[in-house]
């Protein structure tokens, strides 16, 4: 899975309600045989980047 595919998956996960996100991350990790801890760290970094981008665009 390359970064662009992962980014699309993370965008879809961000659209889900908060309570569904851990489940979706777990499914993504299983589907791609990636450790869940790595997926969580990547998702946290991705989410932080999106928040920074949104703040910059607003300000």
N, C-alpha and C. Protein backbone atom coordinates (compact mmCIF):
# COMPACT_ATOMS: atom_id res chain seq x y z
N UNK A 1 0.85 -1.17 0.00
CA UNK A 1 0.00 0.00 0.00
C UNK A 1 0.90 1.24 0.00
N UNK A 2 0.69 2.12 -0.96
CA UNK A 2 1.50 3.32 -1.01
C UNK A 2 0.83 4.45 -0.21
N UNK A 3 1.53 5.57 -0.13
CA UNK A 3 1.05 6.66 0.71
C UNK A 3 -0.27 7.23 0.22
N UNK A 4 -0.45 7.34 -1.09
CA UNK A 4 -1.70 7.91 -1.61
C UNK A 4 -2.90 7.03 -1.28
N UNK A 5 -2.73 5.72 -1.37
CA UNK A 5 -3.81 4.81 -1.00
C UNK A 5 -4.12 4.92 0.49
N UNK A 6 -3.07 4.98 1.28
CA UNK A 6 -3.24 5.11 2.72
C UNK A 6 -3.94 6.42 3.06
N UNK A 7 -3.57 7.48 2.38
CA UNK A 7 -4.19 8.79 2.60
C UNK A 7 -5.69 8.74 2.28
N UNK A 8 -6.07 8.06 1.20
CA UNK A 8 -7.49 7.92 0.85
C UNK A 8 -8.24 7.14 1.92
N UNK A 9 -7.61 6.06 2.40
CA UNK A 9 -8.24 5.27 3.46
C UNK A 9 -8.42 6.11 4.73
N UNK A 10 -7.41 6.89 5.08
CA UNK A 10 -7.49 7.73 6.28
C UNK A 10 -8.56 8.80 6.12
N UNK A 11 -8.70 9.37 4.91
CA UNK A 11 -9.77 10.35 4.67
C UNK A 11 -11.14 9.71 4.91
N UNK A 12 -11.31 8.48 4.45
CA UNK A 12 -12.58 7.78 4.66
C UNK A 12 -12.82 7.52 6.15
N UNK A 13 -11.75 7.18 6.86
CA UNK A 13 -11.86 6.93 8.29
C UNK A 13 -12.23 8.21 9.04
N UNK A 14 -11.69 9.35 8.60
CA UNK A 14 -12.00 10.62 9.26
C UNK A 14 -13.48 10.99 9.11
N UNK A 15 -14.12 10.50 8.06
CA UNK A 15 -15.53 10.79 7.85
C UNK A 15 -16.43 9.98 8.78
N UNK A 16 -15.88 8.94 9.37
CA UNK A 16 -16.67 8.07 10.25
C UNK A 16 -16.82 8.72 11.63
N UNK A 17 -17.86 8.33 12.36
CA UNK A 17 -18.00 8.81 13.75
C UNK A 17 -16.79 8.36 14.59
N UNK A 18 -16.51 9.11 15.63
CA UNK A 18 -15.34 8.82 16.47
C UNK A 18 -15.31 7.38 16.98
N UNK A 19 -16.45 6.85 17.36
CA UNK A 19 -16.46 5.50 17.94
C UNK A 19 -16.15 4.42 16.91
N UNK A 20 -16.30 4.73 15.62
CA UNK A 20 -16.03 3.74 14.57
C UNK A 20 -14.58 3.77 14.08
N UNK A 21 -13.86 4.83 14.38
CA UNK A 21 -12.50 4.98 13.85
C UNK A 21 -11.54 3.88 14.32
N UNK A 22 -11.52 3.52 15.61
CA UNK A 22 -10.61 2.43 16.02
C UNK A 22 -10.92 1.10 15.32
N UNK A 23 -12.20 0.85 15.08
CA UNK A 23 -12.59 -0.38 14.38
C UNK A 23 -12.08 -0.34 12.95
N UNK A 24 -12.26 0.80 12.29
CA UNK A 24 -11.81 0.95 10.91
C UNK A 24 -10.29 0.84 10.81
N UNK A 25 -9.58 1.42 11.77
CA UNK A 25 -8.12 1.32 11.76
C UNK A 25 -7.67 -0.13 11.94
N UNK A 26 -8.35 -0.85 12.81
CA UNK A 26 -8.03 -2.25 13.04
C UNK A 26 -8.27 -3.08 11.77
N UNK A 27 -9.39 -2.83 11.10
CA UNK A 27 -9.69 -3.54 9.85
C UNK A 27 -8.67 -3.23 8.77
N UNK A 28 -8.26 -1.96 8.69
CA UNK A 28 -7.26 -1.56 7.71
C UNK A 28 -5.93 -2.26 7.97
N UNK A 29 -5.55 -2.35 9.24
CA UNK A 29 -4.30 -3.02 9.60
C UNK A 29 -4.35 -4.51 9.23
N UNK A 30 -5.48 -5.16 9.55
CA UNK A 30 -5.61 -6.59 9.22
C UNK A 30 -5.59 -6.81 7.72
N UNK A 31 -6.32 -5.97 6.99
CA UNK A 31 -6.43 -6.12 5.54
C UNK A 31 -5.08 -6.01 4.85
N UNK A 32 -4.22 -5.11 5.37
CA UNK A 32 -2.93 -4.86 4.72
C UNK A 32 -1.75 -5.49 5.45
N UNK A 33 -2.06 -6.28 6.49
CA UNK A 33 -1.02 -6.97 7.26
C UNK A 33 0.05 -5.99 7.77
N UNK A 34 -0.45 -4.91 8.35
CA UNK A 34 0.40 -3.88 8.95
C UNK A 34 0.11 -3.89 10.44
N UNK A 35 1.13 -3.77 11.29
CA UNK A 35 0.86 -3.74 12.73
C UNK A 35 -0.08 -2.59 13.10
N UNK A 36 -1.02 -2.88 13.98
CA UNK A 36 -2.00 -1.88 14.39
C UNK A 36 -1.32 -0.65 14.99
N UNK A 37 -0.25 -0.85 15.74
CA UNK A 37 0.44 0.30 16.34
C UNK A 37 0.99 1.23 15.26
N UNK A 38 1.47 0.67 14.16
CA UNK A 38 2.00 1.50 13.06
C UNK A 38 0.88 2.27 12.38
N UNK A 39 -0.26 1.61 12.20
CA UNK A 39 -1.41 2.29 11.58
C UNK A 39 -1.88 3.43 12.46
N UNK A 40 -1.93 3.19 13.78
CA UNK A 40 -2.39 4.24 14.70
C UNK A 40 -1.46 5.45 14.68
N UNK A 41 -0.16 5.21 14.69
CA UNK A 41 0.81 6.32 14.66
C UNK A 41 0.67 7.08 13.34
N UNK A 42 0.56 6.36 12.25
CA UNK A 42 0.41 7.00 10.94
C UNK A 42 -0.87 7.81 10.88
N UNK A 43 -1.95 7.26 11.40
CA UNK A 43 -3.23 7.98 11.40
C UNK A 43 -3.15 9.22 12.27
N UNK A 44 -2.53 9.13 13.43
CA UNK A 44 -2.37 10.30 14.31
C UNK A 44 -1.58 11.39 13.61
N UNK A 45 -0.51 11.01 12.94
CA UNK A 45 0.30 11.99 12.21
C UNK A 45 -0.50 12.61 11.06
N UNK A 46 -1.24 11.79 10.35
CA UNK A 46 -2.07 12.26 9.24
C UNK A 46 -3.12 13.24 9.74
N UNK A 47 -3.80 12.90 10.84
CA UNK A 47 -4.84 13.74 11.41
C UNK A 47 -4.25 15.08 11.88
N UNK A 48 -3.10 15.04 12.52
CA UNK A 48 -2.44 16.26 12.97
C UNK A 48 -2.10 17.16 11.79
N UNK A 49 -1.62 16.54 10.71
CA UNK A 49 -1.29 17.31 9.51
C UNK A 49 -2.54 17.97 8.93
N UNK A 50 -3.64 17.25 8.88
CA UNK A 50 -4.91 17.81 8.37
C UNK A 50 -5.37 18.98 9.23
N UNK A 51 -5.26 18.82 10.54
CA UNK A 51 -5.66 19.91 11.44
C UNK A 51 -4.81 21.15 11.21
N UNK A 52 -3.49 20.96 11.06
CA UNK A 52 -2.60 22.10 10.79
C UNK A 52 -2.96 22.77 9.47
N UNK A 53 -3.22 21.98 8.44
CA UNK A 53 -3.58 22.53 7.14
C UNK A 53 -4.88 23.33 7.23
N UNK A 54 -5.85 22.80 7.95
CA UNK A 54 -7.13 23.50 8.10
C UNK A 54 -6.97 24.81 8.85
N UNK A 55 -6.14 24.83 9.88
CA UNK A 55 -5.89 26.05 10.64
C UNK A 55 -5.19 27.09 9.77
N UNK A 56 -4.24 26.66 8.97
CA UNK A 56 -3.53 27.59 8.09
C UNK A 56 -4.45 28.17 7.04
N UNK A 57 -5.34 27.35 6.51
CA UNK A 57 -6.27 27.82 5.47
C UNK A 57 -7.29 28.80 6.03
N UNK A 58 -7.66 28.63 7.29
CA UNK A 58 -8.62 29.54 7.92
C UNK A 58 -7.97 30.85 8.33
N UNK A 59 -6.71 30.78 8.72
CA UNK A 59 -6.03 31.95 9.27
C UNK A 59 -5.38 32.72 8.24
